[in-house]
Protein backbone atom coordinates (compact mmCIF):
# COMPACT_ATOMS: atom_id res chain seq x y z
CA MET A 1 0.87 3.98 19.51
CA LEU A 2 -2.30 2.96 17.58
CA ARG A 3 -5.16 1.41 19.09
CA VAL A 4 -8.21 0.19 16.98
CA GLU A 5 -10.91 -0.84 19.34
CA GLY A 6 -14.29 -2.31 18.07
CA VAL A 7 -14.29 -0.60 14.94
CA HIS A 8 -17.30 -1.06 12.66
CA GLN A 9 -17.91 0.16 8.90
CA ARG A 10 -20.12 -0.46 6.12
CA TYR A 11 -21.50 1.29 2.94
CA ARG A 12 -25.11 1.71 2.28
CA ASN A 13 -27.14 -1.54 2.96
CA GLY A 14 -24.01 -4.04 1.81
CA PRO A 15 -22.19 -6.33 4.34
CA PRO A 16 -20.01 -5.13 6.92
CA VAL A 17 -16.53 -4.13 5.59
CA LEU A 18 -15.15 -3.80 9.14
CA ASP A 19 -17.17 -5.95 11.61
CA GLY A 20 -15.52 -5.21 15.23
CA VAL A 21 -11.98 -4.86 14.15
CA ASP A 22 -9.39 -4.68 16.98
CA LEU A 23 -5.89 -3.67 16.13
CA ALA A 24 -2.98 -2.74 18.32
CA CYS A 25 0.38 -1.13 16.67
CA ASP A 26 3.41 0.00 18.88
CA PRO A 27 6.82 1.30 17.91
CA GLY A 28 9.12 -1.48 17.27
CA LEU A 29 6.26 -3.89 16.49
CA PRO A 30 5.13 -2.90 12.71
CA VAL A 31 2.04 -4.45 11.18
CA VAL A 32 1.79 -5.71 7.80
CA LEU A 33 -1.98 -5.99 6.80
CA GLY A 34 -3.04 -8.35 3.66
CA GLY A 35 -6.33 -9.34 2.45
CA GLU A 36 -8.35 -9.64 -1.04
CA ASN A 37 -9.27 -6.94 -3.12
CA GLY A 38 -12.28 -5.36 -1.53
CA SER A 39 -11.59 -6.87 1.92
CA GLY A 40 -11.58 -3.56 3.51
CA LYS A 41 -7.82 -2.85 3.90
CA SER A 42 -7.69 0.63 2.63
CA THR A 43 -10.77 1.57 4.71
CA LEU A 44 -9.20 0.37 7.95
CA LEU A 45 -5.70 2.32 7.04
CA ARG A 46 -8.22 5.49 6.39
CA ILE A 47 -9.81 5.28 9.86
CA ALA A 48 -6.40 4.27 11.41
CA ALA A 49 -4.82 7.14 10.02
CA GLY A 50 -7.73 9.63 10.73
CA ALA A 51 -8.79 10.26 7.20
CA ALA A 52 -11.97 8.68 7.70
CA ARG A 53 -14.43 7.92 10.93
CA PRO A 54 -15.66 4.52 11.60
CA ALA A 55 -19.57 3.93 11.82
CA ALA A 56 -18.96 2.57 15.38
CA GLY A 57 -15.88 2.09 17.60
CA GLN A 58 -12.66 4.01 18.81
CA VAL A 59 -9.44 4.77 17.52
CA ARG A 60 -6.51 6.08 19.69
CA ARG A 61 -3.47 7.54 17.77
CA PRO A 62 -0.49 9.74 18.01
CA GLY A 63 -0.77 13.54 17.31
CA VAL A 64 1.13 13.42 14.04
CA VAL A 65 0.42 10.85 11.69
CA GLY A 66 2.20 10.24 8.37
CA TYR A 67 -0.35 8.55 5.79
CA LEU A 68 0.27 7.79 2.08
CA PRO A 69 -3.10 6.64 0.58
CA ASP A 70 -2.83 4.00 -2.43
CA ARG A 71 -3.92 6.60 -5.01
CA PHE A 72 -1.90 9.72 -5.38
CA PRO A 73 -4.03 12.89 -6.46
CA ALA A 74 -3.68 12.85 -10.17
CA ARG A 75 -3.88 16.73 -11.26
CA LEU A 76 -1.87 18.46 -8.52
CA ARG A 77 -0.49 21.86 -9.91
CA MET A 78 1.97 22.17 -7.18
CA PRO A 79 5.72 21.55 -7.44
CA PRO A 80 6.83 18.61 -5.24
CA ASP A 81 8.94 20.89 -2.98
CA VAL A 82 6.03 23.34 -2.70
CA TYR A 83 3.67 20.22 -1.84
CA LEU A 84 6.03 19.01 0.98
CA ARG A 85 6.15 22.38 2.47
CA HIS A 86 2.41 22.69 2.22
CA LEU A 87 1.49 19.22 3.79
CA ALA A 88 4.33 19.67 6.48
CA ALA A 89 2.71 23.01 7.48
CA ILE A 90 -0.95 21.61 7.61
CA ARG A 91 0.61 18.50 10.15
CA GLY A 92 2.55 21.03 11.98
CA VAL A 93 6.04 19.66 11.26
CA SER A 94 9.08 20.29 9.21
CA PRO A 95 9.50 19.02 5.57
CA ALA A 96 11.87 16.56 4.73
CA PRO A 97 12.74 17.07 1.05
CA GLU A 98 15.86 15.05 1.71
CA LEU A 99 13.95 11.83 1.72
CA LEU A 100 13.48 12.53 -2.26
CA ASP A 101 17.28 12.33 -2.89
CA ARG A 102 17.31 9.18 -0.76
CA LEU A 103 14.75 7.47 -2.70
CA GLY A 104 16.27 8.51 -5.76
CA PHE A 105 13.75 11.06 -7.16
CA SER A 106 14.44 11.96 -10.68
CA GLY A 107 11.66 14.37 -11.55
CA PRO A 108 11.58 18.00 -11.89
CA ARG A 109 11.15 19.63 -8.46
CA ARG A 110 9.66 22.99 -9.94
CA GLU A 111 7.08 21.67 -12.34
CA PRO A 112 3.46 20.52 -11.36
CA MET A 113 3.54 17.20 -9.78
CA SER A 114 0.68 16.29 -12.28
CA ARG A 115 3.67 15.56 -14.85
CA LEU A 116 5.66 13.31 -12.74
CA SER A 117 5.49 9.61 -13.67
CA LYS A 118 4.09 7.15 -11.16
CA GLY A 119 7.37 6.33 -9.53
CA ASN A 120 8.41 9.72 -8.86
CA ALA A 121 4.74 10.64 -7.67
CA GLN A 122 5.04 7.81 -5.24
CA LYS A 123 8.48 8.79 -3.88
CA VAL A 124 7.08 12.30 -3.26
CA GLY A 125 3.94 10.71 -1.29
CA LEU A 126 6.47 8.73 0.74
CA ALA A 127 8.58 11.76 1.61
CA GLN A 128 5.41 13.78 3.13
CA ALA A 129 4.32 10.66 4.70
CA LEU A 130 7.88 9.68 6.42
CA GLY A 131 9.11 13.09 7.00
CA GLY A 132 8.43 15.23 10.19
CA ASP A 133 8.95 12.32 12.68
CA PRO A 134 5.51 11.36 13.01
CA GLY A 135 4.23 8.68 15.89
CA LEU A 136 2.22 6.65 13.58
CA VAL A 137 2.81 5.95 9.70
CA VAL A 138 0.28 4.38 7.57
CA LEU A 139 1.28 3.38 4.22
CA ASP A 140 -0.94 2.00 1.62
CA GLU A 141 0.84 0.00 -1.14
CA PRO A 142 3.98 1.92 -0.80
CA TRP A 143 6.23 -0.27 -3.21
CA ALA A 144 3.60 0.52 -6.05
CA GLY A 145 5.69 2.24 -8.81
CA LEU A 146 8.80 2.25 -7.47
CA ASP A 147 11.99 0.70 -8.96
CA ALA A 148 14.33 -1.59 -7.55
CA GLU A 149 16.47 0.42 -5.90
CA ALA A 150 13.65 2.72 -4.36
CA ALA A 151 12.14 -0.49 -3.13
CA GLU A 152 15.26 -1.42 -1.22
CA THR A 153 15.68 2.02 0.01
CA LEU A 154 12.31 2.18 1.17
CA LEU A 155 12.79 -1.05 3.26
CA GLY A 156 15.67 0.66 5.21
CA LEU A 157 13.59 3.67 5.91
CA LEU A 158 10.82 1.72 7.26
CA ALA A 159 13.19 0.09 9.40
CA GLU A 160 14.51 3.54 10.76
CA VAL A 161 10.67 4.62 11.35
CA ALA A 162 9.47 1.45 12.96
CA GLU A 163 12.15 2.03 15.48
CA ARG A 164 10.61 5.03 16.98
CA ALA A 165 6.73 4.95 15.45
CA SER A 166 3.98 2.40 15.00
CA LEU A 167 4.02 1.36 11.21
CA LEU A 168 0.92 -0.06 9.40
CA VAL A 169 1.59 -1.45 6.06
CA THR A 170 -0.60 -3.03 3.26
CA ASP A 171 1.63 -4.69 0.38
CA HIS A 172 0.85 -7.30 -2.33
CA THR A 173 4.50 -7.21 -3.78
CA GLY A 174 5.79 -9.47 -1.13
CA ARG A 175 8.45 -6.88 0.05
CA ALA A 176 7.01 -6.35 3.19
CA ALA A 177 7.81 -10.05 4.14
CA ARG A 178 11.30 -8.59 4.82
CA ILE A 179 10.31 -5.83 7.57
CA ALA A 180 11.95 -7.26 10.47
CA GLY A 181 9.86 -8.12 13.51
CA ALA A 182 6.70 -7.41 11.58
CA ARG A 183 3.37 -8.77 12.86
CA HIS A 184 1.43 -10.36 9.85
CA LEU A 185 -2.32 -10.05 9.72
CA ARG A 186 -5.16 -10.72 7.29
CA LEU A 187 -8.55 -9.05 6.56
CA ALA A 188 -11.20 -11.33 5.55
CA GLY A 189 -15.23 -11.12 6.33
CA GLY A 190 -14.57 -7.72 8.12
CA LEU A 191 -12.40 -9.38 10.75
CA LEU A 192 -8.55 -9.48 11.41
CA ARG A 193 -6.52 -12.91 11.74
CA GLU A 194 -2.85 -13.84 12.11
CA SER A 195 -1.17 -14.58 8.76
CA PRO A 196 1.97 -16.27 7.90
CA PRO A 197 4.67 -13.64 6.38
CA GLY A 198 4.55 -13.07 2.61
CA ALA A 199 0.88 -14.21 2.27
CA GLY A 200 0.18 -10.38 1.41
CA ASP A 201 -2.83 -9.56 -1.01
CA THR A 202 -4.16 -11.72 -3.43
CA VAL A 203 -4.00 -9.76 -6.70
CA GLY A 204 -6.90 -10.69 -8.73
CA PRO A 205 -9.78 -9.31 -10.69
CA GLY A 206 -11.75 -7.16 -8.24
CA THR A 207 -13.58 -4.09 -7.62
CA ASP A 208 -12.68 -0.66 -6.35
CA ALA A 209 -14.88 -1.02 -3.66
CA ASP A 210 -12.44 -0.88 -1.04
CA LEU A 211 -11.75 2.95 -1.96
CA ALA A 212 -15.13 3.98 -2.62
CA GLU A 213 -16.78 6.70 -0.54
CA PRO A 214 -20.07 5.91 0.94
CA GLY A 215 -22.70 5.58 -1.47
CA ALA A 216 -20.48 5.86 -4.33
CA VAL A 217 -21.14 3.43 -7.41
CA THR A 218 -18.08 1.06 -8.32
CA ALA A 219 -17.29 -0.60 -11.75
CA PRO A 220 -14.90 -3.72 -12.02
CA LEU A 221 -11.13 -2.43 -12.59
CA PRO A 222 -9.96 -3.07 -16.07
CA ALA A 223 -7.75 -5.98 -15.96
CA THR A 224 -4.46 -7.03 -17.55
CA ALA A 225 -3.64 -10.54 -18.78
CA ILE A 226 0.03 -11.70 -17.78
CA VAL A 227 2.23 -14.60 -19.13
CA LEU A 228 5.61 -15.15 -17.24
CA ARG A 229 8.16 -17.91 -17.89
CA CYS A 230 9.21 -19.13 -14.25
CA PRO A 231 11.77 -21.56 -13.11
CA ASP A 232 8.88 -22.61 -10.47
CA PRO A 233 5.66 -20.85 -11.57
CA GLU A 234 3.62 -22.36 -8.42
CA ALA A 235 6.48 -21.07 -5.86
CA VAL A 236 6.44 -17.65 -7.65
CA ALA A 237 2.77 -17.53 -7.57
CA ARG A 238 3.05 -18.18 -3.66
CA ARG A 239 5.60 -15.44 -3.34
CA LEU A 240 3.76 -12.78 -5.30
CA GLY A 241 0.33 -13.69 -3.38
CA VAL A 242 -1.48 -14.36 -6.58
CA SER A 243 -3.74 -17.06 -7.83
CA GLY A 244 -3.10 -18.01 -11.49
CA ARG A 245 -2.95 -21.12 -14.22
CA CYS A 246 0.35 -22.61 -14.18
CA ALA A 247 1.40 -24.59 -17.28
CA GLY A 248 5.00 -25.88 -17.62
CA ASP A 249 7.21 -23.30 -17.04
CA ARG A 250 4.38 -20.58 -17.49
CA LEU A 251 2.37 -18.76 -14.96
CA HIS A 252 -0.78 -16.92 -16.61
CA LEU A 253 -2.49 -14.06 -14.51
CA HIS A 254 -5.15 -11.71 -14.84
CA VAL A 255 -4.61 -8.97 -12.42
CA PRO A 256 -5.91 -5.36 -12.16
CA ALA A 257 -4.29 -2.97 -14.49
CA THR A 258 -3.48 -0.68 -11.63
CA ARG A 259 -1.48 -3.42 -10.18
CA ALA A 260 0.06 -4.71 -13.07
CA ASP A 261 3.53 -2.84 -13.33
CA ALA A 262 4.14 -3.57 -9.42
CA LEU A 263 3.63 -7.28 -10.06
CA LEU A 264 6.04 -7.24 -13.07
CA LEU A 265 8.51 -5.81 -11.46
CA ALA A 266 8.22 -8.21 -8.54
CA ALA A 267 8.22 -10.89 -10.96
CA LEU A 268 11.41 -9.97 -12.72
CA GLN A 269 13.15 -9.71 -9.26
CA LEU A 270 12.21 -13.28 -8.61
CA GLY A 271 13.91 -14.26 -11.67
CA CYS A 272 10.80 -14.56 -14.23
CA ALA A 273 10.84 -13.32 -17.74
CA VAL A 274 7.84 -11.61 -19.22
CA GLU A 275 6.23 -13.48 -22.28
CA SER A 276 3.53 -11.03 -22.78
CA VAL A 277 1.41 -8.40 -21.48
CA GLY A 278 -2.13 -7.27 -22.64
CA PRO A 279 -5.59 -6.35 -21.89
CA VAL A 280 -8.00 -8.74 -20.87
């Protein structure tokens, strides 16, 4: 089980990122966390997983934690199988390379991971997080970069994991709304509130403040302009959890460049056509 009690966090003299957050997450009762860019979701997940310490408050978690950060190391020289064995050894568990096959990994297994595509690198990250029978699984944007088949496979894997482990997930694609029995929460103003399923993240222009180390100077993320043709643009915007301008059958969006691929994939699965994509 996971228990987060009265957790506070802030960076330098800024407003609180987390302002007395309480969170309970038990096996069989997964939690999906939403919120605006920079609201503190990744900060909370790092603290929940044990990758960061809060300024105040307590966290109780199982001994074995599977954690997927929302950004995968870009210059890893290890091949995938070596990386999985290495991470498993650090955690004191057995590696699970078979999860790569289930997720449809198609990259080279004996070459440096720095050469992998975003999708294949994400599959390696998921394999290390889900393998080894963890008692707590914390996944930050696990569907980012995945193809449609792998995205469906991941839903099945999460259903299996949630039966025996605590599961905490962030997701801006809307897929987490299909996690059976999940409790949906939204982080805003440093506090958690109940949220309707499918509300997810608002994908819009923002900064990397949510990912910054204490004292780091952040800059606006590069943005991408997207125009979609949709049967019902307003309904699609709600499903995607985005705000944009609707004109006829077109939905005009400005999103962080790092989120564009995942949003485009989700839009195609909702029956939209992509009219244009380009820098803002």
